[in-house]
């Protein structure tokens, strides 16, 4: 029971981290795209 609870918590944590990484990568890609475009 204890291990399953820990598994659930870690899974939720991993999802949050992955969502943050996706948001960050999109943000970085947007900034890079804007910087690469000629003014």
PDB file of N, CA and C in Angstrom:
ATOM      1  N   UNK A   1       0.842  -1.202   0.000  1.00  0.00           N
ATOM      2  CA  UNK A   1       0.000   0.000   0.000  1.00  0.00           C
ATOM      3  C   UNK A   1       0.884   1.263   0.000  1.00  0.00           C
ATOM      4  N   UNK A   2       1.926   1.231   0.809  1.00  0.00           N
ATOM      5  CA  UNK A   2       2.820   2.382   0.879  1.00  0.00           C
ATOM      6  C   UNK A   2       3.505   2.619  -0.468  1.00  0.00           C
ATOM      7  N   UNK A   3       3.954   1.530  -1.101  1.00  0.00           N
ATOM      8  CA  UNK A   3       4.668   1.660  -2.369  1.00  0.00           C
ATOM      9  C   UNK A   3       3.747   2.195  -3.472  1.00  0.00           C
ATOM     10  N   UNK A   4       2.485   1.774  -3.456  1.00  0.00           N
ATOM     11  CA  UNK A   4       1.555   2.231  -4.486  1.00  0.00           C
ATOM     12  C   UNK A   4       1.273   3.727  -4.325  1.00  0.00           C
ATOM     13  N   UNK A   5       1.202   4.183  -3.080  1.00  0.00           N
ATOM     14  CA  UNK A   5       0.981   5.613  -2.820  1.00  0.00           C
ATOM     15  C   UNK A   5       2.180   6.418  -3.318  1.00  0.00           C
ATOM     16  N   UNK A   6       3.375   5.915  -3.028  1.00  0.00           N
ATOM     17  CA  UNK A   6       4.583   6.598  -3.487  1.00  0.00           C
ATOM     18  C   UNK A   6       4.629   6.620  -5.012  1.00  0.00           C
ATOM     19  N   UNK A   7       4.210   5.511  -5.630  1.00  0.00           N
ATOM     20  CA  UNK A   7       4.200   5.416  -7.094  1.00  0.00           C
ATOM     21  C   UNK A   7       3.265   6.482  -7.673  1.00  0.00           C
ATOM     22  N   UNK A   8       2.078   6.621  -7.071  1.00  0.00           N
ATOM     23  CA  UNK A   8       1.112   7.608  -7.549  1.00  0.00           C
ATOM     24  C   UNK A   8       1.657   9.021  -7.439  1.00  0.00           C
ATOM     25  N   UNK A   9       2.322   9.302  -6.304  1.00  0.00           N
ATOM     26  CA  UNK A   9       2.874  10.642  -6.091  1.00  0.00           C
ATOM     27  C   UNK A   9       3.979  10.921  -7.108  1.00  0.00           C
ATOM     28  N   UNK A  10       4.866   9.948  -7.280  1.00  0.00           N
ATOM     29  CA  UNK A  10       5.982  10.138  -8.208  1.00  0.00           C
ATOM     30  C   UNK A  10       5.477  10.284  -9.642  1.00  0.00           C
ATOM     31  N   UNK A  11       4.410   9.575  -9.971  1.00  0.00           N
ATOM     32  CA  UNK A  11       3.853   9.646 -11.319  1.00  0.00           C
ATOM     33  C   UNK A  11       3.288  11.045 -11.568  1.00  0.00           C
ATOM     34  N   UNK A  12       2.556  11.560 -10.578  1.00  0.00           N
ATOM     35  CA  UNK A  12       1.983  12.899 -10.701  1.00  0.00           C
ATOM     36  C   UNK A  12       3.101  13.935 -10.833  1.00  0.00           C
ATOM     37  N   UNK A  13       4.164  13.739 -10.031  1.00  0.00           N
ATOM     38  CA  UNK A  13       5.306  14.650 -10.044  1.00  0.00           C
ATOM     39  C   UNK A  13       5.972  14.636 -11.415  1.00  0.00           C
ATOM     40  N   UNK A  14       6.121  13.430 -11.978  1.00  0.00           N
ATOM     41  CA  UNK A  14       6.756  13.289 -13.286  1.00  0.00           C
ATOM     42  C   UNK A  14       5.930  13.990 -14.363  1.00  0.00           C
ATOM     43  N   UNK A  15       4.608  13.876 -14.261  1.00  0.00           N
ATOM     44  CA  UNK A  15       3.725  14.525 -15.238  1.00  0.00           C
ATOM     45  C   UNK A  15       3.883  16.039 -15.162  1.00  0.00           C
ATOM     46  N   UNK A  16       3.928  16.558 -13.933  1.00  0.00           N
ATOM     47  CA  UNK A  16       4.082  18.010 -13.763  1.00  0.00           C
ATOM     48  C   UNK A  16       5.399  18.484 -14.351  1.00  0.00           C
ATOM     49  N   UNK A  17       6.461  17.731 -14.100  1.00  0.00           N
ATOM     50  CA  UNK A  17       7.790  18.094 -14.605  1.00  0.00           C
ATOM     51  C   UNK A  17       7.800  18.068 -16.136  1.00  0.00           C
ATOM     52  N   UNK A  18       7.201  17.022 -16.711  1.00  0.00           N
ATOM     53  CA  UNK A  18       7.198  16.901 -18.172  1.00  0.00           C
ATOM     54  C   UNK A  18       6.402  18.044 -18.807  1.00  0.00           C
ATOM     55  N   UNK A  19       5.284  18.430 -18.152  1.00  0.00           N
ATOM     56  CA  UNK A  19       4.484  19.542 -18.668  1.00  0.00           C
ATOM     57  C   UNK A  19       5.297  20.829 -18.627  1.00  0.00           C
ATOM     58  N   UNK A  20       6.055  21.026 -17.531  1.00  0.00           N
ATOM     59  CA  UNK A  20       6.883  22.226 -17.412  1.00  0.00           C
ATOM     60  C   UNK A  20       7.945  22.242 -18.490  1.00  0.00           C
ATOM     61  N   UNK A  21       8.548  21.085 -18.739  1.00  0.00           N
ATOM     62  CA  UNK A  21       9.604  20.987 -19.752  1.00  0.00           C
ATOM     63  C   UNK A  21       9.045  21.313 -21.131  1.00  0.00           C
ATOM     64  N   UNK A  22       7.833  20.822 -21.421  1.00  0.00           N
ATOM     65  CA  UNK A  22       7.204  21.071 -22.725  1.00  0.00           C
ATOM     66  C   UNK A  22       6.938  22.573 -22.882  1.00  0.00           C
ATOM     67  N   UNK A  23       6.420  23.190 -21.818  1.00  0.00           N
ATOM     68  CA  UNK A  23       6.126  24.625 -21.859  1.00  0.00           C
ATOM     69  C   UNK A  23       7.409  25.417 -22.053  1.00  0.00           C
ATOM     70  N   UNK A  24       8.458  25.014 -21.336  1.00  0.00           N
ATOM     71  CA  UNK A  24       9.741  25.711 -21.441  1.00  0.00           C
ATOM     72  C   UNK A  24      10.315  25.569 -22.844  1.00  0.00           C
ATOM     73  N   UNK A  25      10.271  24.358 -23.387  1.00  0.00           N
ATOM     74  CA  UNK A  25      10.843  24.127 -24.718  1.00  0.00           C
ATOM     75  C   UNK A  25      10.072  24.916 -25.777  1.00  0.00           C
ATOM     76  N   UNK A  26       8.742  25.005 -25.613  1.00  0.00           N
ATOM     77  CA  UNK A  26       7.935  25.792 -26.565  1.00  0.00           C
ATOM     78  C   UNK A  26       8.305  27.262 -26.471  1.00  0.00           C
ATOM     79  N   UNK A  27       8.470  27.732 -25.219  1.00  0.00           N
ATOM     80  CA  UNK A  27       8.817  29.137 -24.986  1.00  0.00           C
ATOM     81  C   UNK A  27      10.171  29.450 -25.605  1.00  0.00           C
ATOM     82  N   UNK A  28      11.139  28.559 -25.400  1.00  0.00           N
ATOM     83  CA  UNK A  28      12.490  28.746 -25.938  1.00  0.00           C
ATOM     84  C   UNK A  28      12.444  28.725 -27.466  1.00  0.00           C
ATOM     85  N   UNK A  29      11.678  27.784 -28.023  1.00  0.00           N
ATOM     86  CA  UNK A  29      11.578  27.681 -29.477  1.00  0.00           C
ATOM     87  C   UNK A  29      10.962  28.952 -30.050  1.00  0.00           C
ATOM     88  N   UNK A  30       9.965  29.501 -29.362  1.00  0.00           N
ATOM     89  CA  UNK A  30       9.327  30.732 -29.815  1.00  0.00           C
ATOM     90  C   UNK A  30      10.337  31.870 -29.825  1.00  0.00           C
ATOM     91  N   UNK A  31      11.107  31.976 -28.732  1.00  0.00           N
ATOM     92  CA  UNK A  31      12.107  33.039 -28.623  1.00  0.00           C
ATOM     93  C   UNK A  31      13.182  32.873 -29.690  1.00  0.00           C
ATOM     94  N   UNK A  32      13.626  31.647 -29.914  1.00  0.00           N
ATOM     95  CA  UNK A  32      14.654  31.388 -30.920  1.00  0.00           C
ATOM     96  C   UNK A  32      14.130  31.732 -32.313  1.00  0.00           C
ATOM     97  N   UNK A  33      12.874  31.366 -32.588  1.00  0.00           N
ATOM     98  CA  UNK A  33      12.277  31.652 -33.883  1.00  0.00           C
ATOM     99  C   UNK A  33      12.206  33.150 -34.126  1.00  0.00           C
ATOM    100  N   UNK A  34      11.849  33.901 -33.099  1.00  0.00           N
ATOM    101  CA  UNK A  34      11.747  35.357 -33.226  1.00  0.00           C
ATOM    102  C   UNK A  34      13.128  35.961 -33.438  1.00  0.00           C
ATOM    103  N   UNK A  35      14.130  35.388 -32.778  1.00  0.00           N
ATOM    104  CA  UNK A  35      15.488  35.926 -32.891  1.00  0.00           C
ATOM    105  C   UNK A  35      16.084  35.605 -34.263  1.00  0.00           C
ATOM    106  N   UNK A  36      15.718  34.447 -34.815  1.00  0.00           N
ATOM    107  CA  UNK A  36      16.294  34.033 -36.095  1.00  0.00           C
ATOM    108  C   UNK A  36      15.691  34.798 -37.282  1.00  0.00           C
ATOM    109  N   UNK A  37      14.450  35.264 -37.122  1.00  0.00           N
ATOM    110  CA  UNK A  37      13.809  35.980 -38.233  1.00  0.00           C
ATOM    111  C   UNK A  37      14.516  37.316 -38.486  1.00  0.00           C
ATOM    112  N   UNK A  38      14.745  37.660 -39.724  1.00  0.00           N
ATOM    113  CA  UNK A  38      15.383  38.954 -40.029  1.00  0.00           C
ATOM    114  C   UNK A  38      14.450  40.112 -39.690  1.00  0.00           C
ATOM    115  N   UNK A  39      14.976  41.151 -39.111  1.00  0.00           N
ATOM    116  CA  UNK A  39      14.168  42.292 -38.682  1.00  0.00           C
ATOM    117  C   UNK A  39      13.663  43.079 -39.888  1.00  0.00           C
TER     118      UNK A  39
END
